[in-house]
């Protein structure tokens, strides 16, 4: 009886009928990805796991979102904190498409400028950065031209 209950639970957690699976997220960045995509504000069923075994990352995280399909610009935002993330688009329990995230050239309104004197930290102005390096990530502020590194990135 216990084995059949565990199998049912595993199937419920591991399979979605329609939606998106985001895989290969660094475990430490799981909640940043959830925030960037606004998953903390939607009512869809969301399943996530963290500190899962990964030969490439050591420890990885995964997010499964039922009945949600992301636009490329939404997904590419996560390249800032999960540059090796992969997406599986699920339809009728089958993977119908695989995507790799790509870092956009310009990042707007997602990341806080590291410079406390930047106008974006003192007035209601949308942040804007040019991506000058993909790995490790380095962003140049459009307003103060200060460089924000991967360790300094704070999601708005």
Protein backbone atom coordinates (compact mmCIF):
# COMPACT_ATOMS: atom_id res chain seq x y z
CA UNK A 1 0.00 0.00 0.00
CA UNK A 2 2.76 2.43 0.96
CA UNK A 3 4.63 1.80 -2.33
CA UNK A 4 1.53 2.49 -4.45
CA UNK A 5 0.88 5.74 -2.55
CA UNK A 6 4.47 6.86 -3.12
CA UNK A 7 4.18 6.07 -6.85
CA UNK A 8 0.94 8.08 -7.12
CA UNK A 9 2.51 11.01 -5.28
CA UNK A 10 5.60 10.87 -7.46
CA UNK A 11 3.52 10.84 -10.64
CA UNK A 12 1.43 13.77 -9.40
CA UNK A 13 4.54 15.80 -8.72
CA UNK A 14 6.61 14.80 -11.74
CA UNK A 15 4.08 15.04 -14.60
CA UNK A 16 2.16 18.05 -15.85
CA UNK A 17 -0.38 17.91 -18.66
CA UNK A 18 0.20 21.41 -20.06
CA UNK A 19 2.80 23.96 -19.09
CA UNK A 20 6.47 24.72 -18.81
CA UNK A 21 9.35 23.02 -17.01
CA UNK A 22 12.42 25.15 -16.27
CA UNK A 23 15.43 22.96 -15.57
CA UNK A 24 19.13 23.48 -14.80
CA UNK A 25 18.64 26.43 -12.46
CA UNK A 26 21.48 26.84 -9.95
CA UNK A 27 19.96 25.71 -6.63
CA UNK A 28 20.95 28.95 -4.87
CA UNK A 29 19.01 31.00 -7.44
CA UNK A 30 15.67 29.16 -7.39
CA UNK A 31 13.75 31.87 -5.55
CA UNK A 32 15.29 34.65 -7.66
CA UNK A 33 13.91 32.90 -10.77
CA UNK A 34 10.50 32.57 -9.12
CA UNK A 35 10.55 36.31 -8.37
CA UNK A 36 11.78 37.40 -11.81
CA UNK A 37 9.02 35.42 -13.53
CA UNK A 38 6.37 36.61 -11.06
CA UNK A 39 5.50 33.02 -10.13
CA UNK A 40 4.91 34.11 -6.55
CA UNK A 41 1.90 36.11 -7.77
CA UNK A 42 0.05 33.59 -9.98
CA UNK A 43 -2.47 30.93 -9.03
CA UNK A 44 -1.29 28.17 -11.38
CA UNK A 45 -0.04 24.94 -9.85
CA UNK A 46 3.71 25.29 -9.37
CA UNK A 47 6.05 22.51 -8.31
CA UNK A 48 9.70 23.14 -7.59
CA UNK A 49 12.60 21.15 -6.30
CA UNK A 50 15.98 22.30 -5.19
CA UNK A 51 19.36 20.78 -4.38
CA UNK A 52 18.73 18.05 -6.92
CA UNK A 53 21.71 16.12 -8.24
CA UNK A 54 23.36 17.59 -11.35
CA UNK A 55 26.71 16.61 -12.84
CA UNK A 56 27.03 19.99 -14.56
CA UNK A 57 25.92 22.30 -11.72
CA UNK A 58 26.57 20.18 -8.64
CA UNK A 59 23.15 21.07 -7.21
CA UNK A 60 20.31 22.28 -9.37
CA UNK A 61 16.71 23.39 -9.08
CA UNK A 62 13.70 22.78 -11.29
CA UNK A 63 10.35 24.58 -11.63
CA UNK A 64 7.20 23.11 -13.19
CA UNK A 65 4.35 25.50 -13.95
CA UNK A 66 1.00 24.10 -15.09
CA UNK A 67 -0.95 25.90 -17.81
CA UNK A 68 1.66 28.63 -18.26
CA UNK A 69 3.71 29.32 -21.35
CA UNK A 70 6.25 32.11 -21.21
CA UNK A 71 7.19 34.63 -23.87
CA UNK A 72 10.85 34.60 -24.93
CA UNK A 73 11.50 37.98 -23.29
CA UNK A 74 10.17 36.65 -19.94
CA UNK A 75 12.33 33.56 -20.06
CA UNK A 76 15.45 35.32 -21.22
CA UNK A 77 15.37 37.42 -18.03
CA UNK A 78 16.39 34.37 -16.06
CA UNK A 79 19.63 34.10 -18.04
CA UNK A 80 21.00 36.72 -15.64
CA UNK A 81 20.91 34.28 -12.75
CA UNK A 82 20.51 30.92 -14.48
CA UNK A 83 22.53 31.13 -17.71
CA UNK A 84 22.31 27.36 -18.39
CA UNK A 85 18.58 27.04 -17.80
CA UNK A 86 16.60 24.94 -20.23
CA UNK A 87 12.86 24.98 -20.89
CA UNK A 88 10.62 22.13 -21.82
CA UNK A 89 7.22 23.05 -23.22
CA UNK A 90 4.69 20.36 -22.27
CA UNK A 91 1.47 19.60 -24.15
CA UNK A 92 -0.66 16.56 -23.26
CA UNK A 93 2.11 15.22 -20.97
CA UNK A 94 4.67 15.27 -23.81
CA UNK A 95 7.67 17.56 -24.37
CA UNK A 96 6.84 19.32 -27.64
CA UNK A 97 9.58 21.93 -27.60
CA UNK A 98 12.92 22.54 -25.88
CA UNK A 99 14.39 26.01 -25.47
CA UNK A 100 17.63 27.41 -24.11
CA UNK A 101 17.59 30.81 -22.40
CA UNK A 102 19.56 33.63 -23.96
CA UNK A 103 20.79 36.73 -22.21
CA UNK A 104 19.15 39.84 -23.68
CA UNK A 105 21.36 42.82 -24.60
CA UNK A 106 19.33 45.28 -22.50
CA UNK A 107 17.76 44.58 -19.09
CA UNK A 108 14.98 46.96 -18.00
CA UNK A 109 13.14 47.12 -14.70
CA UNK A 110 14.35 43.78 -13.33
CA UNK A 111 17.57 44.51 -11.46
CA UNK A 112 18.47 47.21 -8.95
CA UNK A 113 21.52 49.39 -9.64
CA UNK A 114 24.33 48.63 -7.22
CA UNK A 115 25.27 52.32 -6.92
CA UNK A 116 23.32 53.88 -4.01
CA UNK A 117 23.75 57.34 -5.58
CA UNK A 118 22.26 56.27 -8.93
CA UNK A 119 19.18 58.25 -9.91
CA UNK A 120 17.22 54.99 -10.19
CA UNK A 121 17.70 54.43 -6.44
CA UNK A 122 16.55 57.92 -5.54
CA UNK A 123 13.73 58.70 -7.98
CA UNK A 124 11.00 56.68 -9.68
CA UNK A 125 12.91 55.80 -12.83
CA UNK A 126 12.95 52.36 -14.41
CA UNK A 127 16.38 50.76 -14.26
CA UNK A 128 18.11 49.98 -17.54
CA UNK A 129 21.32 48.02 -18.02
CA UNK A 130 23.43 46.94 -20.96
CA UNK A 131 24.74 43.40 -20.59
CA UNK A 132 28.49 43.68 -21.09
CA UNK A 133 29.40 40.15 -19.99
CA UNK A 134 27.33 36.94 -19.99
CA UNK A 135 29.40 34.65 -17.76
CA UNK A 136 29.93 35.82 -15.15
CA UNK A 137 27.18 38.39 -15.65
CA UNK A 138 28.19 42.06 -15.69
CA UNK A 139 25.67 44.86 -16.28
CA UNK A 140 26.41 48.51 -17.05
CA UNK A 141 23.85 51.00 -15.75
CA UNK A 142 22.43 53.27 -18.45
CA UNK A 143 22.26 56.20 -16.02
CA UNK A 144 25.37 56.15 -13.81
CA UNK A 145 27.46 53.73 -15.92
CA UNK A 146 28.42 51.74 -12.81
CA UNK A 147 29.04 48.03 -13.41
CA UNK A 148 26.91 45.58 -11.43
CA UNK A 149 28.43 42.11 -11.16
CA UNK A 150 26.70 38.77 -10.72
CA UNK A 151 27.30 38.79 -6.94
CA UNK A 152 25.77 42.27 -6.64
CA UNK A 153 22.58 41.60 -8.65
CA UNK A 154 19.45 42.32 -6.63
CA UNK A 155 16.11 41.56 -8.23
CA UNK A 156 13.50 44.32 -7.94
